[in-house]
Amino acid sequence: MIDFSKKPLFLAPMAGFSDLPLRNLVKQFGADVTISEMISSNALVYESAKTLKMLQKAELEKPYIVQIAGSDENIIQKAVQILNQFDFIDGIDFNCGCPVNKIIKQNAGSALLQDLGKLQKILELIKKISNKKLTSVKVRIGYDKKEPIAIAKACENAGVDFISMHGRTRKQMYNGNSNYEAIALAKENIKIPLIANGDINAKNANDVFMITNCDALMIGRASIGKPWIFYEIKSGKKIDKAMKNKIIFTHFEEMLKHYKGQGVSIFRKHLHEYSKGYEDASNFRNQVNRITDADTMRKYIQEFFNKE
C-alpha cells in the first residue's frame, strides 16, 4: 500500500491540526500518506460519538491510517476491535511519541519508551487483533536519554510494518534540534522501513534523507500554514501567491463543511499561521479572533490575502 522505494512523504498526526480538512488539502499537494489526529483508546471505547467523528476519512486519503494512544492492554484491544469495523481504515498507528504531561501521566505516549517490554507487548497485541493491512508505531529517540537502536529493535521485533521516529527525546519536548544522526543509527540496525520526523521542511528535506538514509519523511509543524510544503519538497519549486490564496480559501470552506458553525473559530489558528510574514498580520490576527460569522470571516480573508 505504501511504496517506500519512492521515498514517500507523510503528514504527521498532530492533535488539533491534522483533521479531515487539512488531510484532504495536503493530499492535493503531494502528501502520500496521511494519519489521523491522535485518538485516545479510552475515548474510542467510552466516548464513542465525538471520537467516531475523528475517524472520518477524506475522499482522497488512500492509504488512511488511524493513530491511537493508550497503555491499558484491555482498552487497546477493545479500541482495535472498534476500528476493525471500519473498512475504510487501512492501518493502525500506535503513538509512543507524544511528550505532553497529560498523556505521560496515563503512562501512554512517550512514557512507554521507558518500558520497551510493555511497548513491544502492546504492538504485538495490536498486530494480532487488527484486521488492517498496516500496523505501525510513532516513537521518539528516547525518553530522557537517546536509545534509538533499542527502541527501533523492540518495534521491529513486535512485527510492525514500519516505524516513524522523531529525532528528540521526550525530555527535550520540542526544544533543541532534531537529532538525525540518532535516527540514522536506528535505520542501520533494522530491516523494516523507517520514517524520519522532526524539524523537516522544504529546505532540509533532501539533507535529512542523506543523513538518515531513511525510507520516507514525516512532515508535521512545517505543514501548518504551508500545506503546499509537500509539493515544494517534491518539485523543488515554490507556489505562487494566487495558488496560496486559493488554498487558504479552500481550506476555510472545507473547515465550514466539516465543523459547520464551529469552523470559523477553529480556523483562526490556521489563519494565524497563514498570515505570518504578511504586512499588518498582527492586526489581522486580532480582527479574526473576534469574528464568529462565516461571511464576515470570508470577507476578511479575501481582503487581507488579496491586497498583498
C-alpha atoms as a PDB file:
ATOM      1  CA  MET A   1       0.000   0.000   0.000  1.00  0.00           C
ATOM      2  CA  ILE A   2       2.971   2.313   0.559  1.00  0.00           C
ATOM      3  CA  ASP A   3       5.801   2.248  -1.968  1.00  0.00           C
ATOM      4  CA  PHE A   4       8.849   3.081   0.151  1.00  0.00           C
ATOM      5  CA  SER A   5      11.123   2.847  -2.887  1.00  0.00           C
ATOM      6  CA  LYS A   6       9.627   6.189  -3.970  1.00  0.00           C
ATOM      7  CA  LYS A   7      10.629   7.928  -0.702  1.00  0.00           C
ATOM      8  CA  PRO A   8       7.060   8.942   0.209  1.00  0.00           C
ATOM      9  CA  LEU A   9       6.072  11.973   2.277  1.00  0.00           C
ATOM     10  CA  PHE A  10       3.776  11.550   5.299  1.00  0.00           C
ATOM     11  CA  LEU A  11       1.674  14.135   7.100  1.00  0.00           C
ATOM     12  CA  ALA A  12       2.367  13.707  10.816  1.00  0.00           C
ATOM     13  CA  PRO A  13      -0.536  13.152  13.203  1.00  0.00           C
ATOM     14  CA  MET A  14      -0.950  16.449  15.083  1.00  0.00           C
ATOM     15  CA  ALA A  15      -3.584  16.968  17.772  1.00  0.00           C
ATOM     16  CA  GLY A  16      -5.853  19.848  16.826  1.00  0.00           C
ATOM     17  CA  PHE A  17      -4.381  20.203  13.351  1.00  0.00           C
ATOM     18  CA  SER A  18      -4.281  17.051  11.202  1.00  0.00           C
ATOM     19  CA  ASP A  19      -8.054  16.861  10.936  1.00  0.00           C
ATOM     20  CA  LEU A  20     -10.031  15.812   7.863  1.00  0.00           C
ATOM     21  CA  PRO A  21      -9.944  19.243   6.108  1.00  0.00           C
ATOM     22  CA  LEU A  22      -6.146  19.548   6.398  1.00  0.00           C
ATOM     23  CA  ARG A  23      -5.545  15.949   5.384  1.00  0.00           C
ATOM     24  CA  ASN A  24      -7.745  16.351   2.306  1.00  0.00           C
ATOM     25  CA  LEU A  25      -5.823  19.509   1.413  1.00  0.00           C
ATOM     26  CA  VAL A  26      -2.308  18.077   1.715  1.00  0.00           C
ATOM     27  CA  LYS A  27      -3.328  15.071  -0.388  1.00  0.00           C
ATOM     28  CA  GLN A  28      -3.941  17.514  -3.240  1.00  0.00           C
ATOM     29  CA  PHE A  29      -0.416  18.902  -2.854  1.00  0.00           C
ATOM     30  CA  GLY A  30       1.773  15.822  -2.775  1.00  0.00           C
ATOM     31  CA  ALA A  31       1.357  14.163   0.639  1.00  0.00           C
ATOM     32  CA  ASP A  32       1.483  10.415   0.003  1.00  0.00           C
ATOM     33  CA  VAL A  33       0.231   9.117   3.349  1.00  0.00           C
ATOM     34  CA  THR A  34      -1.993  10.765   5.966  1.00  0.00           C
ATOM     35  CA  ILE A  35      -2.577   9.786   9.582  1.00  0.00           C
ATOM     36  CA  SER A  36      -5.462  10.885  11.791  1.00  0.00           C
ATOM     37  CA  GLU A  37      -5.038  13.054  14.845  1.00  0.00           C
ATOM     38  CA  MET A  38      -4.003  11.017  17.893  1.00  0.00           C
ATOM     39  CA  ILE A  39      -7.107   9.310  19.287  1.00  0.00           C
ATOM     40  CA  SER A  40      -7.217   8.106  22.867  1.00  0.00           C
ATOM     41  CA  SER A  41      -8.118   4.419  23.036  1.00  0.00           C
ATOM     42  CA  ASN A  42     -10.110   5.263  26.205  1.00  0.00           C
ATOM     43  CA  ALA A  43     -12.113   7.886  24.300  1.00  0.00           C
ATOM     44  CA  LEU A  44     -12.738   5.442  21.471  1.00  0.00           C
ATOM     45  CA  VAL A  45     -14.097   2.828  23.859  1.00  0.00           C
ATOM     46  CA  TYR A  46     -16.034   5.066  26.277  1.00  0.00           C
ATOM     47  CA  GLU A  47     -16.949   8.305  24.465  1.00  0.00           C
ATOM     48  CA  SER A  48     -17.653   6.966  21.030  1.00  0.00           C
ATOM     49  CA  ALA A  49     -19.910   9.637  19.443  1.00  0.00           C
ATOM     50  CA  LYS A  50     -17.453  12.554  19.361  1.00  0.00           C
ATOM     51  CA  THR A  51     -14.446  10.298  18.832  1.00  0.00           C
ATOM     52  CA  LEU A  52     -16.039   8.415  15.941  1.00  0.00           C
ATOM     53  CA  LYS A  53     -16.278  11.719  14.031  1.00  0.00           C
ATOM     54  CA  MET A  54     -12.478  11.952  14.299  1.00  0.00           C
ATOM     55  CA  LEU A  55     -12.222   8.664  12.418  1.00  0.00           C
ATOM     56  CA  GLN A  56     -13.847  10.071   9.291  1.00  0.00           C
ATOM     57  CA  LYS A  57     -11.745   9.764   6.172  1.00  0.00           C
ATOM     58  CA  ALA A  58     -11.306  12.399   3.479  1.00  0.00           C
ATOM     59  CA  GLU A  59     -12.139  11.419  -0.072  1.00  0.00           C
ATOM     60  CA  LEU A  60      -8.536  11.479  -1.317  1.00  0.00           C
ATOM     61  CA  GLU A  61      -6.991   9.563   1.584  1.00  0.00           C
ATOM     62  CA  LYS A  62      -5.545   6.285   0.418  1.00  0.00           C
ATOM     63  CA  PRO A  63      -3.945   4.787   2.362  1.00  0.00           C
ATOM     64  CA  TYR A  64      -5.596   6.155   5.504  1.00  0.00           C
ATOM     65  CA  ILE A  65      -4.079   5.344   8.886  1.00  0.00           C
ATOM     66  CA  VAL A  66      -5.673   5.974  12.287  1.00  0.00           C
ATOM     67  CA  GLN A  67      -3.394   6.651  15.255  1.00  0.00           C
ATOM     68  CA  ILE A  68      -4.364   5.508  18.723  1.00  0.00           C
ATOM     69  CA  ALA A  69      -2.726   6.069  22.119  1.00  0.00           C
ATOM     70  CA  GLY A  70      -3.036   4.335  25.461  1.00  0.00           C
ATOM     71  CA  SER A  71      -1.342   1.914  27.845  1.00  0.00           C
ATOM     72  CA  ASP A  72      -4.086  -0.399  29.168  1.00  0.00           C
ATOM     73  CA  GLU A  73      -3.965  -3.552  27.060  1.00  0.00           C
ATOM     74  CA  ASN A  74      -7.650  -4.417  27.592  1.00  0.00           C
ATOM     75  CA  ILE A  75      -8.761  -0.953  26.472  1.00  0.00           C
ATOM     76  CA  ILE A  76      -6.372  -1.001  23.499  1.00  0.00           C
ATOM     77  CA  GLN A  77      -7.761  -4.393  22.471  1.00  0.00           C
ATOM     78  CA  LYS A  78     -11.328  -3.029  22.560  1.00  0.00           C
ATOM     79  CA  ALA A  79     -10.255   0.091  20.635  1.00  0.00           C
ATOM     80  CA  VAL A  80      -8.694  -2.031  17.884  1.00  0.00           C
ATOM     81  CA  GLN A  81     -11.843  -4.178  17.701  1.00  0.00           C
ATOM     82  CA  ILE A  82     -13.881  -0.977  17.178  1.00  0.00           C
ATOM     83  CA  LEU A  83     -11.524   0.136  14.380  1.00  0.00           C
ATOM     84  CA  ASN A  84     -11.822  -3.318  12.799  1.00  0.00           C
ATOM     85  CA  GLN A  85     -15.451  -2.480  11.990  1.00  0.00           C
ATOM     86  CA  PHE A  86     -14.439   0.316   9.580  1.00  0.00           C
ATOM     87  CA  ASP A  87     -13.319  -0.960   6.193  1.00  0.00           C
ATOM     88  CA  PHE A  88     -12.053   2.452   5.028  1.00  0.00           C
ATOM     89  CA  ILE A  89      -9.200   2.382   7.583  1.00  0.00           C
ATOM     90  CA  ASP A  90      -6.062   0.888   6.041  1.00  0.00           C
ATOM     91  CA  GLY A  91      -3.780   0.843   9.067  1.00  0.00           C
ATOM     92  CA  ILE A  92      -3.413   1.430  12.789  1.00  0.00           C
ATOM     93  CA  ASP A  93      -0.525   3.505  14.124  1.00  0.00           C
ATOM     94  CA  PHE A  94       0.351   3.412  17.818  1.00  0.00           C
ATOM     95  CA  ASN A  95       1.547   6.603  19.493  1.00  0.00           C
ATOM     96  CA  CYS A  96       4.704   6.341  21.612  1.00  0.00           C
ATOM     97  CA  GLY A  97       5.912   9.822  20.791  1.00  0.00           C
ATOM     98  CA  CYS A  98       3.534  12.286  22.447  1.00  0.00           C
ATOM     99  CA  PRO A  99       5.505  14.159  25.149  1.00  0.00           C
ATOM    100  CA  VAL A 100       2.731  16.140  26.875  1.00  0.00           C
ATOM    101  CA  ASN A 101       2.222  15.674  30.620  1.00  0.00           C
ATOM    102  CA  LYS A 102      -1.452  14.717  30.367  1.00  0.00           C
ATOM    103  CA  ILE A 103      -0.559  11.704  28.214  1.00  0.00           C
ATOM    104  CA  ILE A 104       2.606  10.808  30.180  1.00  0.00           C
ATOM    105  CA  LYS A 105       0.577  10.688  33.427  1.00  0.00           C
ATOM    106  CA  GLN A 106      -1.542   7.960  31.841  1.00  0.00           C
ATOM    107  CA  ASN A 107       1.683   6.028  31.123  1.00  0.00           C
ATOM    108  CA  ALA A 108       0.944   6.478  27.411  1.00  0.00           C
ATOM    109  CA  GLY A 109       2.721   8.229  24.527  1.00  0.00           C
ATOM    110  CA  SER A 110       6.450   8.711  25.181  1.00  0.00           C
ATOM    111  CA  ALA A 111       6.112   7.200  28.677  1.00  0.00           C
ATOM    112  CA  LEU A 112       6.106   3.743  27.083  1.00  0.00           C
ATOM    113  CA  LEU A 113       9.674   4.318  25.867  1.00  0.00           C
ATOM    114  CA  GLN A 114      10.713   3.666  29.480  1.00  0.00           C
ATOM    115  CA  ASP A 115       9.358   0.104  29.283  1.00  0.00           C
ATOM    116  CA  LEU A 116      10.235  -1.413  25.912  1.00  0.00           C
ATOM    117  CA  GLY A 117       8.939  -4.815  27.018  1.00  0.00           C
ATOM    118  CA  LYS A 118       5.463  -3.384  27.576  1.00  0.00           C
ATOM    119  CA  LEU A 119       5.675  -1.382  24.352  1.00  0.00           C
ATOM    120  CA  GLN A 120       6.566  -4.498  22.367  1.00  0.00           C
ATOM    121  CA  LYS A 121       3.737  -6.451  24.003  1.00  0.00           C
ATOM    122  CA  ILE A 122       1.166  -3.763  23.094  1.00  0.00           C
ATOM    123  CA  LEU A 123       2.385  -3.631  19.482  1.00  0.00           C
ATOM    124  CA  GLU A 124       2.187  -7.434  19.243  1.00  0.00           C
ATOM    125  CA  LEU A 125      -1.376  -7.259  20.582  1.00  0.00           C
ATOM    126  CA  ILE A 126      -2.422  -4.624  18.025  1.00  0.00           C
ATOM    127  CA  LYS A 127      -0.810  -6.606  15.196  1.00  0.00           C
ATOM    128  CA  LYS A 128      -2.567  -9.791  16.287  1.00  0.00           C
ATOM    129  CA  ILE A 129      -6.061  -8.311  16.717  1.00  0.00           C
ATOM    130  CA  SER A 130      -6.135  -5.774  13.884  1.00  0.00           C
ATOM    131  CA  ASN A 131      -7.680  -6.756  10.559  1.00  0.00           C
ATOM    132  CA  LYS A 132      -5.935  -3.852   8.810  1.00  0.00           C
ATOM    133  CA  LYS A 133      -3.190  -4.176   6.201  1.00  0.00           C
ATOM    134  CA  LEU A 134      -0.768  -1.973   8.126  1.00  0.00           C
ATOM    135  CA  THR A 135       0.419  -1.765  11.725  1.00  0.00           C
ATOM    136  CA  SER A 136       2.914   0.965  12.593  1.00  0.00           C
ATOM    137  CA  VAL A 137       4.305   2.938  15.515  1.00  0.00           C
ATOM    138  CA  LYS A 138       5.467   6.511  16.122  1.00  0.00           C
ATOM    139  CA  VAL A 139       8.307   6.918  18.611  1.00  0.00           C
ATOM    140  CA  ARG A 140      10.997   9.336  19.769  1.00  0.00           C
ATOM    141  CA  ILE A 141      14.726   8.572  20.049  1.00  0.00           C
ATOM    142  CA  GLY A 142      14.332   8.051  23.808  1.00  0.00           C
ATOM    143  CA  TYR A 143      12.642   9.213  26.998  1.00  0.00           C
ATOM    144  CA  ASP A 144      15.322  11.104  28.916  1.00  0.00           C
ATOM    145  CA  LYS A 145      18.300   9.661  27.069  1.00  0.00           C
ATOM    146  CA  LYS A 146      18.939   8.537  23.489  1.00  0.00           C
ATOM    147  CA  GLU A 147      18.119   4.869  22.827  1.00  0.00           C
ATOM    148  CA  PRO A 148      17.215   4.819  19.131  1.00  0.00           C
ATOM    149  CA  ILE A 149      18.568   1.326  18.393  1.00  0.00           C
ATOM    150  CA  ALA A 150      16.867  -0.435  21.333  1.00  0.00           C
ATOM    151  CA  ILE A 151      13.563   1.320  20.602  1.00  0.00           C
ATOM    152  CA  ALA A 152      13.644   0.519  16.877  1.00  0.00           C
ATOM    153  CA  LYS A 153      14.584  -3.118  17.561  1.00  0.00           C
ATOM    154  CA  ALA A 154      11.711  -3.577  20.046  1.00  0.00           C
ATOM    155  CA  CYS A 155       9.251  -2.234  17.471  1.00  0.00           C
ATOM    156  CA  GLU A 156      10.682  -4.383  14.682  1.00  0.00           C
ATOM    157  CA  ASN A 157      10.557  -7.478  16.905  1.00  0.00           C
ATOM    158  CA  ALA A 158       6.877  -6.762  17.584  1.00  0.00           C
ATOM    159  CA  GLY A 159       6.183  -7.201  13.863  1.00  0.00           C
ATOM    160  CA  VAL A 160       5.173  -3.683  12.840  1.00  0.00           C
ATOM    161  CA  ASP A 161       5.316  -2.796   9.152  1.00  0.00           C
ATOM    162  CA  PHE A 162       7.165   0.491   9.632  1.00  0.00           C
ATOM    163  CA  ILE A 163       8.349   2.933  12.300  1.00  0.00           C
ATOM    164  CA  SER A 164       8.312   6.729  12.312  1.00  0.00           C
ATOM    165  CA  MET A 165      10.899   8.277  14.614  1.00  0.00           C
ATOM    166  CA  HIS A 166      11.012  11.844  15.907  1.00  0.00           C
ATOM    167  CA  GLY A 167      14.604  12.979  16.444  1.00  0.00           C
ATOM    168  CA  ARG A 168      14.169  14.239  20.024  1.00  0.00           C
ATOM    169  CA  THR A 169      13.841  12.619  23.432  1.00  0.00           C
ATOM    170  CA  ARG A 170      10.699  13.146  25.483  1.00  0.00           C
ATOM    171  CA  LYS A 171      12.763  15.270  27.896  1.00  0.00           C
ATOM    172  CA  GLN A 172      13.505  17.720  25.047  1.00  0.00           C
ATOM    173  CA  MET A 173       9.801  18.130  24.216  1.00  0.00           C
ATOM    174  CA  TYR A 174      10.142  20.367  21.103  1.00  0.00           C
ATOM    175  CA  ASN A 175      13.284  22.180  22.260  1.00  0.00           C
ATOM    176  CA  GLY A 176      16.736  21.938  20.719  1.00  0.00           C
ATOM    177  CA  ASN A 177      17.399  20.391  17.332  1.00  0.00           C
ATOM    178  CA  SER A 178      16.106  17.124  15.946  1.00  0.00           C
ATOM    179  CA  ASN A 179      18.922  14.532  16.050  1.00  0.00           C
ATOM    180  CA  TYR A 180      19.064  12.976  12.583  1.00  0.00           C
ATOM    181  CA  GLU A 181      22.231  11.009  13.424  1.00  0.00           C
ATOM    182  CA  ALA A 182      20.245   9.123  16.101  1.00  0.00           C
ATOM    183  CA  ILE A 183      17.578   8.294  13.508  1.00  0.00           C
ATOM    184  CA  ALA A 184      20.364   7.074  11.186  1.00  0.00           C
ATOM    185  CA  LEU A 185      21.570   4.677  13.919  1.00  0.00           C
ATOM    186  CA  ALA A 186      18.074   3.221  14.237  1.00  0.00           C
ATOM    187  CA  LYS A 187      17.811   2.823  10.459  1.00  0.00           C
ATOM    188  CA  GLU A 188      21.167   0.996  10.268  1.00  0.00           C
ATOM    189  CA  ASN A 189      20.014  -1.611  12.764  1.00  0.00           C
ATOM    190  CA  ILE A 190      16.608  -2.646  11.419  1.00  0.00           C
ATOM    191  CA  LYS A 191      15.294  -4.164   8.204  1.00  0.00           C
ATOM    192  CA  ILE A 192      11.808  -2.599   8.125  1.00  0.00           C
ATOM    193  CA  PRO A 193      11.153   0.909   6.723  1.00  0.00           C
ATOM    194  CA  LEU A 194      11.949   3.857   8.971  1.00  0.00           C
ATOM    195  CA  ILE A 195      10.414   7.321   8.566  1.00  0.00           C
ATOM    196  CA  ALA A 196      12.329  10.369   9.802  1.00  0.00           C
ATOM    197  CA  ASN A 197      10.397  13.083  11.643  1.00  0.00           C
ATOM    198  CA  GLY A 198      11.227  16.347  13.412  1.00  0.00           C
ATOM    199  CA  ASP A 199      12.011  19.843  12.071  1.00  0.00           C
ATOM    200  CA  ILE A 200      11.755  18.744   8.436  1.00  0.00           C
ATOM    201  CA  ASN A 201      10.969  21.466   5.902  1.00  0.00           C
ATOM    202  CA  ALA A 202      11.393  22.219   2.197  1.00  0.00           C
ATOM    203  CA  LYS A 203      14.970  23.450   2.717  1.00  0.00           C
ATOM    204  CA  ASN A 204      16.404  20.479   4.604  1.00  0.00           C
ATOM    205  CA  ALA A 205      14.304  17.547   3.319  1.00  0.00           C
ATOM    206  CA  ASN A 206      16.980  16.225   0.945  1.00  0.00           C
ATOM    207  CA  ASP A 207      19.675  16.577   3.609  1.00  0.00           C
ATOM    208  CA  VAL A 208      17.559  14.574   6.074  1.00  0.00           C
ATOM    209  CA  PHE A 209      17.207  11.784   3.505  1.00  0.00           C
ATOM    210  CA  MET A 210      21.000  11.788   3.059  1.00  0.00           C
ATOM    211  CA  ILE A 211      21.901  11.897   6.780  1.00  0.00           C
ATOM    212  CA  THR A 212      19.383   9.308   7.998  1.00  0.00           C
ATOM    213  CA  ASN A 213      19.209   7.017   4.936  1.00  0.00           C
ATOM    214  CA  CYS A 214      15.538   6.746   5.911  1.00  0.00           C
ATOM    215  CA  ASP A 215      12.764   5.399   3.696  1.00  0.00           C
ATOM    216  CA  ALA A 216      10.363   8.334   3.999  1.00  0.00           C
ATOM    217  CA  LEU A 217       9.879  11.706   5.658  1.00  0.00           C
ATOM    218  CA  MET A 218       7.114  12.770   8.012  1.00  0.00           C
ATOM    219  CA  ILE A 219       6.247  16.479   7.998  1.00  0.00           C
ATOM    220  CA  GLY A 220       4.453  17.965  10.998  1.00  0.00           C
ATOM    221  CA  ARG A 221       4.627  21.566  12.171  1.00  0.00           C
ATOM    222  CA  ALA A 222       6.192  22.803   8.911  1.00  0.00           C
ATOM    223  CA  SER A 223       2.906  21.982   7.139  1.00  0.00           C
ATOM    224  CA  ILE A 224       0.816  24.267   9.371  1.00  0.00           C
ATOM    225  CA  GLY A 225       0.245  27.437   7.387  1.00  0.00           C
ATOM    226  CA  LYS A 226       2.067  25.744   4.487  1.00  0.00           C
ATOM    227  CA  PRO A 227       0.056  22.698   3.411  1.00  0.00           C
ATOM    228  CA  TRP A 228       1.719  23.042  -0.010  1.00  0.00           C
ATOM    229  CA  ILE A 229       5.109  22.058   1.507  1.00  0.00           C
ATOM    230  CA  PHE A 230       4.799  18.533   0.087  1.00  0.00           C
ATOM    231  CA  TYR A 231       4.632  19.955  -3.443  1.00  0.00           C
ATOM    232  CA  GLU A 232       7.639  22.196  -2.738  1.00  0.00           C
ATOM    233  CA  ILE A 233       9.735  19.272  -1.462  1.00  0.00           C
ATOM    234  CA  LYS A 234       8.873  17.058  -4.428  1.00  0.00           C
ATOM    235  CA  SER A 235       9.165  19.681  -7.171  1.00  0.00           C
ATOM    236  CA  GLY A 236      11.828  21.970  -5.729  1.00  0.00           C
ATOM    237  CA  LYS A 237       9.560  24.868  -6.804  1.00  0.00           C
ATOM    238  CA  LYS A 238       7.644  27.443  -4.789  1.00  0.00           C
ATOM    239  CA  ILE A 239       3.947  28.038  -5.394  1.00  0.00           C
ATOM    240  CA  ASP A 240       2.737  31.480  -6.421  1.00  0.00           C
ATOM    241  CA  LYS A 241       0.584  33.904  -4.448  1.00  0.00           C
ATOM    242  CA  ALA A 242      -2.590  33.177  -6.418  1.00  0.00           C
ATOM    243  CA  MET A 243      -2.316  29.466  -5.642  1.00  0.00           C
ATOM    244  CA  LYS A 244      -1.601  30.176  -1.956  1.00  0.00           C
ATOM    245  CA  ASN A 245      -4.755  32.283  -1.763  1.00  0.00           C
ATOM    246  CA  LYS A 246      -6.802  29.605  -3.463  1.00  0.00           C
ATOM    247  CA  ILE A 247      -5.545  27.024  -0.936  1.00  0.00           C
ATOM    248  CA  ILE A 248      -6.366  29.268   2.040  1.00  0.00           C
ATOM    249  CA  PHE A 249      -9.909  29.937   0.761  1.00  0.00           C
ATOM    250  CA  THR A 250     -10.426  26.232   0.007  1.00  0.00           C
ATOM    251  CA  HIS A 251      -9.203  25.279   3.483  1.00  0.00           C
ATOM    252  CA  PHE A 252     -11.696  27.671   5.096  1.00  0.00           C
ATOM    253  CA  GLU A 253     -14.609  26.287   3.079  1.00  0.00           C
ATOM    254  CA  GLU A 254     -13.584  22.716   3.958  1.00  0.00           C
ATOM    255  CA  MET A 255     -13.497  23.658   7.659  1.00  0.00           C
ATOM    256  CA  LEU A 256     -17.038  25.058   7.432  1.00  0.00           C
ATOM    257  CA  LYS A 257     -18.242  21.924   5.685  1.00  0.00           C
ATOM    258  CA  HIS A 258     -16.696  19.652   8.326  1.00  0.00           C
ATOM    259  CA  TYR A 259     -17.260  21.645  11.540  1.00  0.00           C
ATOM    260  CA  LYS A 260     -20.349  23.642  10.492  1.00  0.00           C
ATOM    261  CA  GLY A 261     -20.729  26.737  12.769  1.00  0.00           C
ATOM    262  CA  GLN A 262     -17.623  25.916  14.794  1.00  0.00           C
ATOM    263  CA  GLY A 263     -15.454  26.024  11.679  1.00  0.00           C
ATOM    264  CA  VAL A 264     -14.986  29.804  11.923  1.00  0.00           C
ATOM    265  CA  SER A 265     -13.395  29.764  15.377  1.00  0.00           C
ATOM    266  CA  ILE A 266     -11.394  26.571  14.751  1.00  0.00           C
ATOM    267  CA  PHE A 267      -9.912  28.081  11.573  1.00  0.00           C
ATOM    268  CA  ARG A 268      -8.424  31.062  13.470  1.00  0.00           C
ATOM    269  CA  LYS A 269      -5.296  29.124  14.470  1.00  0.00           C
ATOM    270  CA  HIS A 270      -4.678  28.313  10.785  1.00  0.00           C
ATOM    271  CA  LEU A 271      -5.123  31.964   9.813  1.00  0.00           C
ATOM    272  CA  HIS A 272      -2.529  32.914  12.441  1.00  0.00           C
ATOM    273  CA  GLU A 273      -0.052  30.684  10.592  1.00  0.00           C
ATOM    274  CA  TYR A 274      -1.115  31.586   7.044  1.00  0.00           C
ATOM    275  CA  SER A 275      -0.697  35.298   7.804  1.00  0.00           C
ATOM    276  CA  LYS A 276       2.886  35.046   9.120  1.00  0.00           C
ATOM    277  CA  GLY A 277       5.242  37.271   7.156  1.00  0.00           C
ATOM    278  CA  TYR A 278       2.428  39.427   5.758  1.00  0.00           C
ATOM    279  CA  GLU A 279       2.315  43.141   6.422  1.00  0.00           C
ATOM    280  CA  ASP A 280      -0.168  44.062   9.167  1.00  0.00           C
ATOM    281  CA  ALA A 281      -0.507  40.381  10.156  1.00  0.00           C
ATOM    282  CA  SER A 282      -0.766  41.228  13.856  1.00  0.00           C
ATOM    283  CA  ASN A 283      -3.793  43.478  13.306  1.00  0.00           C
ATOM    284  CA  PHE A 284      -5.379  40.849  11.027  1.00  0.00           C
ATOM    285  CA  ARG A 285      -4.988  38.189  13.742  1.00  0.00           C
ATOM    286  CA  ASN A 286      -6.589  40.470  16.318  1.00  0.00           C
ATOM    287  CA  GLN A 287      -9.526  41.081  13.999  1.00  0.00           C
ATOM    288  CA  VAL A 288     -10.180  37.420  13.102  1.00  0.00           C
ATOM    289  CA  ASN A 289     -10.006  36.411  16.773  1.00  0.00           C
ATOM    290  CA  ARG A 290     -13.258  38.296  17.288  1.00  0.00           C
ATOM    291  CA  ILE A 291     -15.135  37.063  14.212  1.00  0.00           C
ATOM    292  CA  THR A 292     -17.760  34.352  14.664  1.00  0.00           C
ATOM    293  CA  ASP A 293     -19.714  34.770  11.416  1.00  0.00           C
ATOM    294  CA  ALA A 294     -18.650  32.805   8.301  1.00  0.00           C
ATOM    295  CA  ASP A 295     -19.493  35.548   5.769  1.00  0.00           C
ATOM    296  CA  THR A 296     -17.581  38.191   7.730  1.00  0.00           C
ATOM    297  CA  MET A 297     -14.585  35.869   8.059  1.00  0.00           C
ATOM    298  CA  ARG A 298     -14.715  35.085   4.345  1.00  0.00           C
ATOM    299  CA  LYS A 299     -14.652  38.821   3.568  1.00  0.00           C
ATOM    300  CA  TYR A 300     -11.664  39.452   5.877  1.00  0.00           C
ATOM    301  CA  ILE A 301      -9.706  36.536   4.392  1.00  0.00           C
ATOM    302  CA  GLN A 302     -10.372  37.746   0.819  1.00  0.00           C
ATOM    303  CA  GLU A 303      -9.378  41.330   1.586  1.00  0.00           C
ATOM    304  CA  PHE A 304      -6.255  40.517   3.591  1.00  0.00           C
ATOM    305  CA  PHE A 305      -4.658  37.906   1.333  1.00  0.00           C
ATOM    306  CA  ASN A 306      -5.645  39.612  -1.936  1.00  0.00           C
ATOM    307  CA  LYS A 307      -4.200  43.011  -1.032  1.00  0.00           C
ATOM    308  CA  GLU A 308      -0.600  41.808  -0.853  1.00  0.00           C
END
